[in-house]
Amino acid sequence: MVSRSFVGAKTDISGASRPIKESEMKACAEAGVKYVELPVAFDALTVVVNKKNSWAKEMTTDELKTAWEAAAQGKVKTWKDINSRFPAEPLGLYGPGTDSGTYDYFREVIIGKDASGKQGDTRSDYTASEDDNVLVQGVSGDKGGLGYFGFAYYEENLDKLDAVAVVNEQGKAVLPSVEHVNDGSYNPLSRPIFIYVSEKSLDQPHVKQFMDFYMANAAKLSREVGYVAMPQKFYTAAIARLNAEKPGTVFGVKANKGVAIDKLMTMAGKE
């Protein structure tokens, strides 16, 4: 999220794991904050299962919701409870804790909102940890294990886990990969990661110097923290946007999920 301090004109820069919301745009306008929006990486949440799992090569978002929603607690205990085509193997769930941004995004796109518009919750009877090693160990040691975390960490544990192909909004089962994140087909579990900088703050030499350094090293730093780096040509385009101090967001008031990198940068060029 874009920080409250940033929209209140109290800080110069804000990182954001999603595009700026309409309410945040309004708060910025009220505080007189004009901002430059810069995409810096993509994030791909990867759904993983045990190597001995031979039945869940692909899953729909509805099946993931059935497994993880609050209403499933005490009821969905086996894989067969998720879908009758799955075996009656005991289900073990492993995921980030509730203070994690990864948890927040998974809850938003998989659990979604109820009929009243209220954001739904996940079940609480799962093994929660902010340490991805704990989640890897849990799923790899549990034949019926099901978990999720960032793509980069899955790549580091290919010998221990299998990724699940998630059926996207176009009805196609897609495995997480750099290619599928870049082309937008791995949706809705991929999203652009941003940094927002105040246009006024860019007039301060130290802020501009920091942003120049940040964008010049964004690809390397993105990989180091587990995100999917964009192709270099898009960082070049983002740097041009920074240097031109082009204000505003390319998204209007709707946050896009699974938007392709090339589409995102085309949008940025036309804004």
C-alpha atoms as a PDB file:
ATOM      1  CA  MET A   1       0.000   0.000   0.000  1.00  0.00           C
ATOM      2  CA  VAL A   2       1.035   3.635  -0.452  1.00  0.00           C
ATOM      3  CA  SER A   3       1.930   4.901   3.020  1.00  0.00           C
ATOM      4  CA  ARG A   4      -0.291   7.325   4.916  1.00  0.00           C
ATOM      5  CA  SER A   5       2.721   9.525   5.539  1.00  0.00           C
ATOM      6  CA  PHE A   6       3.311   9.851   1.796  1.00  0.00           C
ATOM      7  CA  VAL A   7      -0.267  10.770   0.885  1.00  0.00           C
ATOM      8  CA  GLY A   8      -0.196  13.229   3.788  1.00  0.00           C
ATOM      9  CA  ALA A   9       2.880  14.991   2.366  1.00  0.00           C
ATOM     10  CA  LYS A  10       5.049  13.916   5.305  1.00  0.00           C
ATOM     11  CA  THR A  11       7.516  11.716   3.387  1.00  0.00           C
ATOM     12  CA  ASP A  12       9.237  11.917   0.013  1.00  0.00           C
ATOM     13  CA  ILE A  13       8.950   8.330  -1.239  1.00  0.00           C
ATOM     14  CA  SER A  14       6.673   5.330  -0.767  1.00  0.00           C
ATOM     15  CA  GLY A  15       7.005   1.751  -1.909  1.00  0.00           C
ATOM     16  CA  ALA A  16       3.776  -0.006  -2.890  1.00  0.00           C
ATOM     17  CA  SER A  17       2.937  -3.617  -3.639  1.00  0.00           C
ATOM     18  CA  ARG A  18      -0.002  -2.552  -5.816  1.00  0.00           C
ATOM     19  CA  PRO A  19      -1.064   0.500  -7.854  1.00  0.00           C
ATOM     20  CA  ILE A  20      -2.235   3.531  -5.892  1.00  0.00           C
ATOM     21  CA  LYS A  21      -5.918   3.375  -4.886  1.00  0.00           C
ATOM     22  CA  GLU A  22      -8.572   5.978  -5.709  1.00  0.00           C
ATOM     23  CA  SER A  23      -8.825   6.907  -2.021  1.00  0.00           C
ATOM     24  CA  GLU A  24      -5.056   7.471  -1.895  1.00  0.00           C
ATOM     25  CA  MET A  25      -5.157   9.568  -5.061  1.00  0.00           C
ATOM     26  CA  LYS A  26      -7.826  11.724  -3.427  1.00  0.00           C
ATOM     27  CA  ALA A  27      -5.777  12.094  -0.243  1.00  0.00           C
ATOM     28  CA  CYS A  28      -2.734  13.109  -2.284  1.00  0.00           C
ATOM     29  CA  ALA A  29      -4.764  15.709  -4.157  1.00  0.00           C
ATOM     30  CA  GLU A  30      -6.127  17.125  -0.910  1.00  0.00           C
ATOM     31  CA  ALA A  31      -2.592  17.394   0.505  1.00  0.00           C
ATOM     32  CA  GLY A  32      -1.239  18.902  -2.700  1.00  0.00           C
ATOM     33  CA  VAL A  33       0.988  15.912  -3.414  1.00  0.00           C
ATOM     34  CA  LYS A  34       1.830  15.282  -7.060  1.00  0.00           C
ATOM     35  CA  TYR A  35       3.681  12.021  -7.550  1.00  0.00           C
ATOM     36  CA  VAL A  36       5.669  10.110 -10.142  1.00  0.00           C
ATOM     37  CA  GLU A  37       4.726   6.425 -10.401  1.00  0.00           C
ATOM     38  CA  LEU A  38       7.562   4.016 -11.205  1.00  0.00           C
ATOM     39  CA  PRO A  39       7.159   0.253 -11.697  1.00  0.00           C
ATOM     40  CA  VAL A  40      10.266  -1.494 -10.358  1.00  0.00           C
ATOM     41  CA  ALA A  41       9.501  -5.241 -10.424  1.00  0.00           C
ATOM     42  CA  PHE A  42       6.854  -7.913 -10.591  1.00  0.00           C
ATOM     43  CA  ASP A  43       5.830 -10.286  -7.838  1.00  0.00           C
ATOM     44  CA  ALA A  44       4.496 -13.793  -8.499  1.00  0.00           C
ATOM     45  CA  LEU A  45       2.910 -15.781  -5.690  1.00  0.00           C
ATOM     46  CA  THR A  46       3.591 -19.466  -6.283  1.00  0.00           C
ATOM     47  CA  VAL A  47       1.267 -22.236  -5.078  1.00  0.00           C
ATOM     48  CA  VAL A  48       3.296 -25.296  -4.115  1.00  0.00           C
ATOM     49  CA  VAL A  49       2.645 -28.944  -3.260  1.00  0.00           C
ATOM     50  CA  ASN A  50       4.631 -31.937  -2.111  1.00  0.00           C
ATOM     51  CA  LYS A  51       6.679 -33.863  -4.683  1.00  0.00           C
ATOM     52  CA  LYS A  52       4.496 -36.927  -4.021  1.00  0.00           C
ATOM     53  CA  ASN A  53       1.338 -35.029  -4.931  1.00  0.00           C
ATOM     54  CA  SER A  54       0.253 -36.565  -8.253  1.00  0.00           C
ATOM     55  CA  TRP A  55      -3.274 -35.144  -8.411  1.00  0.00           C
ATOM     56  CA  ALA A  56      -3.053 -31.338  -8.118  1.00  0.00           C
ATOM     57  CA  LYS A  57      -0.993 -30.439 -11.167  1.00  0.00           C
ATOM     58  CA  GLU A  58      -3.389 -27.545 -11.709  1.00  0.00           C
ATOM     59  CA  MET A  59      -5.995 -25.774  -9.596  1.00  0.00           C
ATOM     60  CA  THR A  60      -8.609 -23.094 -10.147  1.00  0.00           C
ATOM     61  CA  THR A  61      -8.840 -20.003  -7.974  1.00  0.00           C
ATOM     62  CA  ASP A  62     -12.203 -21.331  -6.744  1.00  0.00           C
ATOM     63  CA  GLU A  63     -10.487 -24.512  -5.543  1.00  0.00           C
ATOM     64  CA  LEU A  64      -7.846 -22.457  -3.764  1.00  0.00           C
ATOM     65  CA  LYS A  65     -10.611 -20.428  -2.147  1.00  0.00           C
ATOM     66  CA  THR A  66     -12.392 -23.605  -1.072  1.00  0.00           C
ATOM     67  CA  ALA A  67      -9.201 -24.749   0.643  1.00  0.00           C
ATOM     68  CA  TRP A  68      -8.263 -21.451   2.272  1.00  0.00           C
ATOM     69  CA  GLU A  69     -11.432 -19.468   3.068  1.00  0.00           C
ATOM     70  CA  ALA A  70     -12.532 -19.000   6.671  1.00  0.00           C
ATOM     71  CA  ALA A  71     -15.653 -21.109   6.094  1.00  0.00           C
ATOM     72  CA  ALA A  72     -13.412 -24.098   5.331  1.00  0.00           C
ATOM     73  CA  GLN A  73     -12.051 -24.268   8.863  1.00  0.00           C
ATOM     74  CA  GLY A  74     -13.070 -27.542  10.497  1.00  0.00           C
ATOM     75  CA  LYS A  75     -14.823 -28.656   7.286  1.00  0.00           C
ATOM     76  CA  VAL A  76     -12.301 -28.909   4.474  1.00  0.00           C
ATOM     77  CA  LYS A  77      -9.918 -31.467   5.935  1.00  0.00           C
ATOM     78  CA  THR A  78      -8.909 -33.542   2.924  1.00  0.00           C
ATOM     79  CA  TRP A  79      -8.088 -32.870  -0.712  1.00  0.00           C
ATOM     80  CA  LYS A  80     -11.324 -34.614  -1.665  1.00  0.00           C
ATOM     81  CA  ASP A  81     -13.196 -31.887   0.214  1.00  0.00           C
ATOM     82  CA  ILE A  82     -11.717 -29.393  -2.256  1.00  0.00           C
ATOM     83  CA  ASN A  83     -12.690 -31.349  -5.360  1.00  0.00           C
ATOM     84  CA  SER A  84     -14.193 -34.829  -5.663  1.00  0.00           C
ATOM     85  CA  ARG A  85     -11.580 -35.765  -8.262  1.00  0.00           C
ATOM     86  CA  PHE A  86      -8.845 -35.405  -5.648  1.00  0.00           C
ATOM     87  CA  PRO A  87      -8.041 -38.253  -3.219  1.00  0.00           C
ATOM     88  CA  ALA A  88      -9.066 -38.285   0.438  1.00  0.00           C
ATOM     89  CA  GLU A  89      -5.518 -37.329   1.425  1.00  0.00           C
ATOM     90  CA  PRO A  90      -5.344 -35.194   4.600  1.00  0.00           C
ATOM     91  CA  LEU A  91      -4.835 -31.530   3.707  1.00  0.00           C
ATOM     92  CA  GLY A  92      -2.023 -29.588   5.337  1.00  0.00           C
ATOM     93  CA  LEU A  93      -1.891 -25.830   4.747  1.00  0.00           C
ATOM     94  CA  TYR A  94       1.222 -23.660   4.986  1.00  0.00           C
ATOM     95  CA  GLY A  95       1.414 -19.923   4.363  1.00  0.00           C
ATOM     96  CA  PRO A  96       2.673 -16.508   5.479  1.00  0.00           C
ATOM     97  CA  GLY A  97       1.398 -14.935   8.674  1.00  0.00           C
ATOM     98  CA  THR A  98      -1.356 -12.325   8.667  1.00  0.00           C
ATOM     99  CA  ASP A  99       1.104  -9.420   8.958  1.00  0.00           C
ATOM    100  CA  SER A 100       2.640 -10.324   5.599  1.00  0.00           C
ATOM    101  CA  GLY A 101       1.957  -8.395   2.405  1.00  0.00           C
ATOM    102  CA  THR A 102       2.021 -11.743   0.603  1.00  0.00           C
ATOM    103  CA  TYR A 103      -0.818 -12.904   2.835  1.00  0.00           C
ATOM    104  CA  ASP A 104      -2.766  -9.709   2.151  1.00  0.00           C
ATOM    105  CA  TYR A 105      -2.487 -10.077  -1.610  1.00  0.00           C
ATOM    106  CA  PHE A 106      -3.406 -13.781  -1.571  1.00  0.00           C
ATOM    107  CA  ARG A 107      -6.422 -13.012   0.598  1.00  0.00           C
ATOM    108  CA  GLU A 108      -7.489 -10.199  -1.740  1.00  0.00           C
ATOM    109  CA  VAL A 109      -7.344 -12.129  -5.011  1.00  0.00           C
ATOM    110  CA  ILE A 110      -8.233 -15.643  -3.832  1.00  0.00           C
ATOM    111  CA  ILE A 111     -10.682 -15.112  -0.963  1.00  0.00           C
ATOM    112  CA  GLY A 112     -12.116 -11.849  -2.298  1.00  0.00           C
ATOM    113  CA  LYS A 113     -15.049  -9.900  -0.914  1.00  0.00           C
ATOM    114  CA  ASP A 114     -18.432 -11.127   0.270  1.00  0.00           C
ATOM    115  CA  ALA A 115     -21.819  -9.985  -1.039  1.00  0.00           C
ATOM    116  CA  SER A 116     -21.721  -6.901   1.192  1.00  0.00           C
ATOM    117  CA  GLY A 117     -18.352  -5.847  -0.196  1.00  0.00           C
ATOM    118  CA  LYS A 118     -16.397  -6.786   2.933  1.00  0.00           C
ATOM    119  CA  GLN A 119     -13.022  -8.443   2.437  1.00  0.00           C
ATOM    120  CA  GLY A 120     -13.159 -12.093   3.432  1.00  0.00           C
ATOM    121  CA  ASP A 121     -10.640 -13.811   5.703  1.00  0.00           C
ATOM    122  CA  THR A 122      -8.644 -16.997   5.397  1.00  0.00           C
ATOM    123  CA  ARG A 123      -8.970 -19.877   7.810  1.00  0.00           C
ATOM    124  CA  SER A 124      -6.633 -19.654  10.786  1.00  0.00           C
ATOM    125  CA  ASP A 125      -5.896 -23.369  11.273  1.00  0.00           C
ATOM    126  CA  TYR A 126      -2.826 -23.459   9.080  1.00  0.00           C
ATOM    127  CA  THR A 127       0.914 -23.434   9.715  1.00  0.00           C
ATOM    128  CA  ALA A 128       1.842 -19.752   9.494  1.00  0.00           C
ATOM    129  CA  SER A 129       5.364 -18.375   9.306  1.00  0.00           C
ATOM    130  CA  GLU A 130       7.223 -15.345   7.993  1.00  0.00           C
ATOM    131  CA  ASP A 131      10.179 -17.678   7.379  1.00  0.00           C
ATOM    132  CA  ASP A 132       9.788 -19.283   3.956  1.00  0.00           C
ATOM    133  CA  ASN A 133      12.160 -22.056   5.040  1.00  0.00           C
ATOM    134  CA  VAL A 134       9.543 -23.198   7.533  1.00  0.00           C
ATOM    135  CA  LEU A 135       6.911 -23.292   4.804  1.00  0.00           C
ATOM    136  CA  VAL A 136       9.196 -25.208   2.441  1.00  0.00           C
ATOM    137  CA  GLN A 137      10.002 -27.749   5.146  1.00  0.00           C
ATOM    138  CA  GLY A 138       6.329 -28.090   5.998  1.00  0.00           C
ATOM    139  CA  VAL A 139       5.082 -28.769   2.475  1.00  0.00           C
ATOM    140  CA  SER A 140       8.084 -30.918   1.502  1.00  0.00           C
ATOM    141  CA  GLY A 141       7.512 -33.115   4.548  1.00  0.00           C
ATOM    142  CA  ASP A 142       3.743 -33.440   4.137  1.00  0.00           C
ATOM    143  CA  LYS A 143       2.335 -35.475   1.226  1.00  0.00           C
ATOM    144  CA  GLY A 144      -0.929 -33.534   1.475  1.00  0.00           C
ATOM    145  CA  GLY A 145       0.778 -30.182   1.937  1.00  0.00           C
ATOM    146  CA  LEU A 146      -0.373 -27.044   0.099  1.00  0.00           C
ATOM    147  CA  GLY A 147       1.328 -23.682   0.480  1.00  0.00           C
ATOM    148  CA  TYR A 148       2.252 -20.420  -1.201  1.00  0.00           C
ATOM    149  CA  PHE A 149       5.064 -17.842  -1.227  1.00  0.00           C
ATOM    150  CA  GLY A 150       7.181 -15.812  -3.660  1.00  0.00           C
ATOM    151  CA  PHE A 151       8.358 -17.257  -6.984  1.00  0.00           C
ATOM    152  CA  ALA A 152      12.064 -16.718  -6.339  1.00  0.00           C
ATOM    153  CA  TYR A 153      11.956 -18.850  -3.220  1.00  0.00           C
ATOM    154  CA  TYR A 154      10.200 -21.633  -5.123  1.00  0.00           C
ATOM    155  CA  GLU A 155      12.985 -21.504  -7.712  1.00  0.00           C
ATOM    156  CA  GLU A 156      15.508 -22.072  -4.930  1.00  0.00           C
ATOM    157  CA  ASN A 157      13.650 -25.230  -3.879  1.00  0.00           C
ATOM    158  CA  LEU A 158      12.779 -26.942  -7.150  1.00  0.00           C
ATOM    159  CA  ASP A 159      14.188 -30.202  -5.835  1.00  0.00           C
ATOM    160  CA  LYS A 160      11.830 -30.184  -2.850  1.00  0.00           C
ATOM    161  CA  LEU A 161       8.511 -28.859  -4.192  1.00  0.00           C
ATOM    162  CA  ASP A 162       6.279 -28.769  -7.256  1.00  0.00           C
ATOM    163  CA  ALA A 163       4.450 -25.659  -8.422  1.00  0.00           C
ATOM    164  CA  VAL A 164       0.742 -25.822  -9.207  1.00  0.00           C
ATOM    165  CA  ALA A 165      -0.474 -24.396 -12.516  1.00  0.00           C
ATOM    166  CA  VAL A 166      -3.200 -21.890 -11.617  1.00  0.00           C
ATOM    167  CA  VAL A 167      -6.119 -21.468 -14.006  1.00  0.00           C
ATOM    168  CA  ASN A 168      -6.025 -17.831 -15.042  1.00  0.00           C
ATOM    169  CA  GLU A 169      -8.791 -15.374 -15.878  1.00  0.00           C
ATOM    170  CA  GLN A 170      -8.669 -16.565 -19.501  1.00  0.00           C
ATOM    171  CA  GLY A 171      -9.342 -20.181 -18.444  1.00  0.00           C
ATOM    172  CA  LYS A 172      -5.830 -21.523 -19.049  1.00  0.00           C
ATOM    173  CA  ALA A 173      -3.739 -23.363 -16.472  1.00  0.00           C
ATOM    174  CA  VAL A 174      -0.414 -21.527 -16.255  1.00  0.00           C
ATOM    175  CA  LEU A 175       2.703 -22.343 -14.276  1.00  0.00           C
ATOM    176  CA  PRO A 176       4.633 -19.469 -12.673  1.00  0.00           C
ATOM    177  CA  SER A 177       7.700 -18.441 -14.652  1.00  0.00           C
ATOM    178  CA  VAL A 178       9.511 -15.253 -15.571  1.00  0.00           C
ATOM    179  CA  GLU A 179       8.035 -15.543 -19.080  1.00  0.00           C
ATOM    180  CA  HIS A 180       4.471 -15.948 -17.824  1.00  0.00           C
ATOM    181  CA  VAL A 181       4.857 -13.090 -15.352  1.00  0.00           C
ATOM    182  CA  ASN A 182       6.244 -10.854 -18.074  1.00  0.00           C
ATOM    183  CA  ASP A 183       3.452 -11.611 -20.553  1.00  0.00           C
ATOM    184  CA  GLY A 184       0.701 -11.290 -17.931  1.00  0.00           C
ATOM    185  CA  SER A 185      -0.650 -14.827 -18.380  1.00  0.00           C
ATOM    186  CA  TYR A 186       0.153 -15.834 -14.794  1.00  0.00           C
ATOM    187  CA  ASN A 187      -2.811 -14.077 -13.274  1.00  0.00           C
ATOM    188  CA  PRO A 188      -4.232 -13.208 -10.851  1.00  0.00           C
ATOM    189  CA  LEU A 189      -1.244 -14.179  -8.703  1.00  0.00           C
ATOM    190  CA  SER A 190       1.230 -11.761 -10.280  1.00  0.00           C
ATOM    191  CA  ARG A 191       1.324  -8.006  -9.822  1.00  0.00           C
ATOM    192  CA  PRO A 192       3.572  -5.016 -10.498  1.00  0.00           C
ATOM    193  CA  ILE A 193       5.536  -3.534  -7.608  1.00  0.00           C
ATOM    194  CA  PHE A 194       5.927   0.260  -7.512  1.00  0.00           C
ATOM    195  CA  ILE A 195       7.734   3.130  -5.940  1.00  0.00           C
ATOM    196  CA  TYR A 196       6.030   6.528  -5.732  1.00  0.00           C
ATOM    197  CA  VAL A 197       8.053   9.712  -5.330  1.00  0.00           C
ATOM    198  CA  SER A 198       6.759  13.202  -4.651  1.00  0.00           C
ATOM    199  CA  GLU A 199       7.304  15.535  -7.602  1.00  0.00           C
ATOM    200  CA  LYS A 200       8.156  18.363  -5.207  1.00  0.00           C
ATOM    201  CA  SER A 201      10.708  16.194  -3.399  1.00  0.00           C
ATOM    202  CA  LEU A 202      12.538  15.512  -6.660  1.00  0.00           C
ATOM    203  CA  ASP A 203      13.661  19.153  -6.571  1.00  0.00           C
ATOM    204  CA  GLN A 204      15.863  18.202  -3.612  1.00  0.00           C
ATOM    205  CA  PRO A 205      19.252  16.956  -4.896  1.00  0.00           C
ATOM    206  CA  HIS A 206      19.581  14.139  -2.339  1.00  0.00           C
ATOM    207  CA  VAL A 207      16.149  12.733  -3.232  1.00  0.00           C
ATOM    208  CA  LYS A 208      16.891  12.844  -6.954  1.00  0.00           C
ATOM    209  CA  GLN A 209      20.290  11.218  -6.405  1.00  0.00           C
ATOM    210  CA  PHE A 210      18.707   8.451  -4.340  1.00  0.00           C
ATOM    211  CA  MET A 211      16.055   7.818  -6.990  1.00  0.00           C
ATOM    212  CA  ASP A 212      18.681   7.725  -9.739  1.00  0.00           C
ATOM    213  CA  PHE A 213      20.607   5.109  -7.747  1.00  0.00           C
ATOM    214  CA  TYR A 214      17.447   3.172  -6.913  1.00  0.00           C
ATOM    215  CA  MET A 215      16.260   2.895 -10.506  1.00  0.00           C
ATOM    216  CA  ALA A 216      19.733   2.108 -11.852  1.00  0.00           C
ATOM    217  CA  ASN A 217      19.932  -0.854  -9.454  1.00  0.00           C
ATOM    218  CA  ALA A 218      16.255  -1.864  -9.340  1.00  0.00           C
ATOM    219  CA  ALA A 219      16.672  -5.025 -11.432  1.00  0.00           C
ATOM    220  CA  LYS A 220      19.501  -6.391  -9.277  1.00  0.00           C
ATOM    221  CA  LEU A 221      17.822  -5.448  -6.009  1.00  0.00           C
ATOM    222  CA  SER A 222      14.489  -6.916  -7.152  1.00  0.00           C
ATOM    223  CA  ARG A 223      16.065 -10.308  -7.742  1.00  0.00           C
ATOM    224  CA  GLU A 224      17.839 -10.188  -4.385  1.00  0.00           C
ATOM    225  CA  VAL A 225      14.574  -9.754  -2.471  1.00  0.00           C
ATOM    226  CA  GLY A 226      12.645 -12.373  -4.440  1.00  0.00           C
ATOM    227  CA  TYR A 227      10.781 -10.363  -7.081  1.00  0.00           C
ATOM    228  CA  VAL A 228      10.809 -10.849 -10.861  1.00  0.00           C
ATOM    229  CA  ALA A 229      12.914  -8.144 -12.461  1.00  0.00           C
ATOM    230  CA  MET A 230      11.600  -6.384 -15.571  1.00  0.00           C
ATOM    231  CA  PRO A 231      13.572  -6.478 -18.842  1.00  0.00           C
ATOM    232  CA  GLN A 232      16.170  -3.686 -18.940  1.00  0.00           C
ATOM    233  CA  LYS A 233      14.373  -1.731 -21.676  1.00  0.00           C
ATOM    234  CA  PHE A 234      11.482  -1.143 -19.283  1.00  0.00           C
ATOM    235  CA  TYR A 235      13.765   0.171 -16.555  1.00  0.00           C
ATOM    236  CA  THR A 236      15.167   2.528 -19.174  1.00  0.00           C
ATOM    237  CA  ALA A 237      11.609   3.707 -19.904  1.00  0.00           C
ATOM    238  CA  ALA A 238      10.880   4.112 -16.185  1.00  0.00           C
ATOM    239  CA  ILE A 239      14.056   6.168 -15.726  1.00  0.00           C
ATOM    240  CA  ALA A 240      12.950   8.408 -18.581  1.00  0.00           C
ATOM    241  CA  ARG A 241       9.621   8.860 -16.798  1.00  0.00           C
ATOM    242  CA  LEU A 242      11.493   9.787 -13.625  1.00  0.00           C
ATOM    243  CA  ASN A 243      13.737  12.289 -15.391  1.00  0.00           C
ATOM    244  CA  ALA A 244      10.730  13.867 -17.100  1.00  0.00           C
ATOM    245  CA  GLU A 245       8.977  14.013 -13.693  1.00  0.00           C
ATOM    246  CA  LYS A 246       5.800  12.762 -15.355  1.00  0.00           C
ATOM    247  CA  PRO A 247       3.142  12.848 -12.637  1.00  0.00           C
ATOM    248  CA  GLY A 248       0.120  10.646 -12.053  1.00  0.00           C
ATOM    249  CA  THR A 249      -0.760   6.973 -12.381  1.00  0.00           C
ATOM    250  CA  VAL A 250      -1.261   4.936 -15.530  1.00  0.00           C
ATOM    251  CA  PHE A 251      -4.014   2.879 -13.907  1.00  0.00           C
ATOM    252  CA  GLY A 252      -6.801   5.392 -13.406  1.00  0.00           C
ATOM    253  CA  VAL A 253      -8.775   4.175 -10.405  1.00  0.00           C
ATOM    254  CA  LYS A 254      -8.587   0.426 -11.037  1.00  0.00           C
ATOM    255  CA  ALA A 255      -5.659  -1.757  -9.973  1.00  0.00           C
ATOM    256  CA  ASN A 256      -4.830  -4.262 -12.700  1.00  0.00           C
ATOM    257  CA  LYS A 257      -3.968  -7.831 -11.693  1.00  0.00           C
ATOM    258  CA  GLY A 258      -1.820  -9.855 -14.038  1.00  0.00           C
ATOM    259  CA  VAL A 259      -1.043  -6.961 -16.380  1.00  0.00           C
ATOM    260  CA  ALA A 260       1.807  -7.728 -18.787  1.00  0.00           C
ATOM    261  CA  ILE A 261       5.014  -5.751 -18.384  1.00  0.00           C
ATOM    262  CA  ASP A 262       4.951  -4.470 -21.965  1.00  0.00           C
ATOM    263  CA  LYS A 263       1.345  -3.323 -21.549  1.00  0.00           C
ATOM    264  CA  LEU A 264       2.217  -1.586 -18.299  1.00  0.00           C
ATOM    265  CA  MET A 265       5.048   0.362 -19.892  1.00  0.00           C
ATOM    266  CA  THR A 266       2.941   1.175 -22.968  1.00  0.00           C
ATOM    267  CA  MET A 267       0.331   2.579 -20.615  1.00  0.00           C
ATOM    268  CA  ALA A 268       3.057   4.601 -18.885  1.00  0.00           C
ATOM    269  CA  GLY A 269       4.215   6.016 -22.183  1.00  0.00           C
ATOM    270  CA  LYS A 270       0.731   7.151 -23.174  1.00  0.00           C
ATOM    271  CA  GLU A 271      -0.304   8.579 -19.811  1.00  0.00           C
END
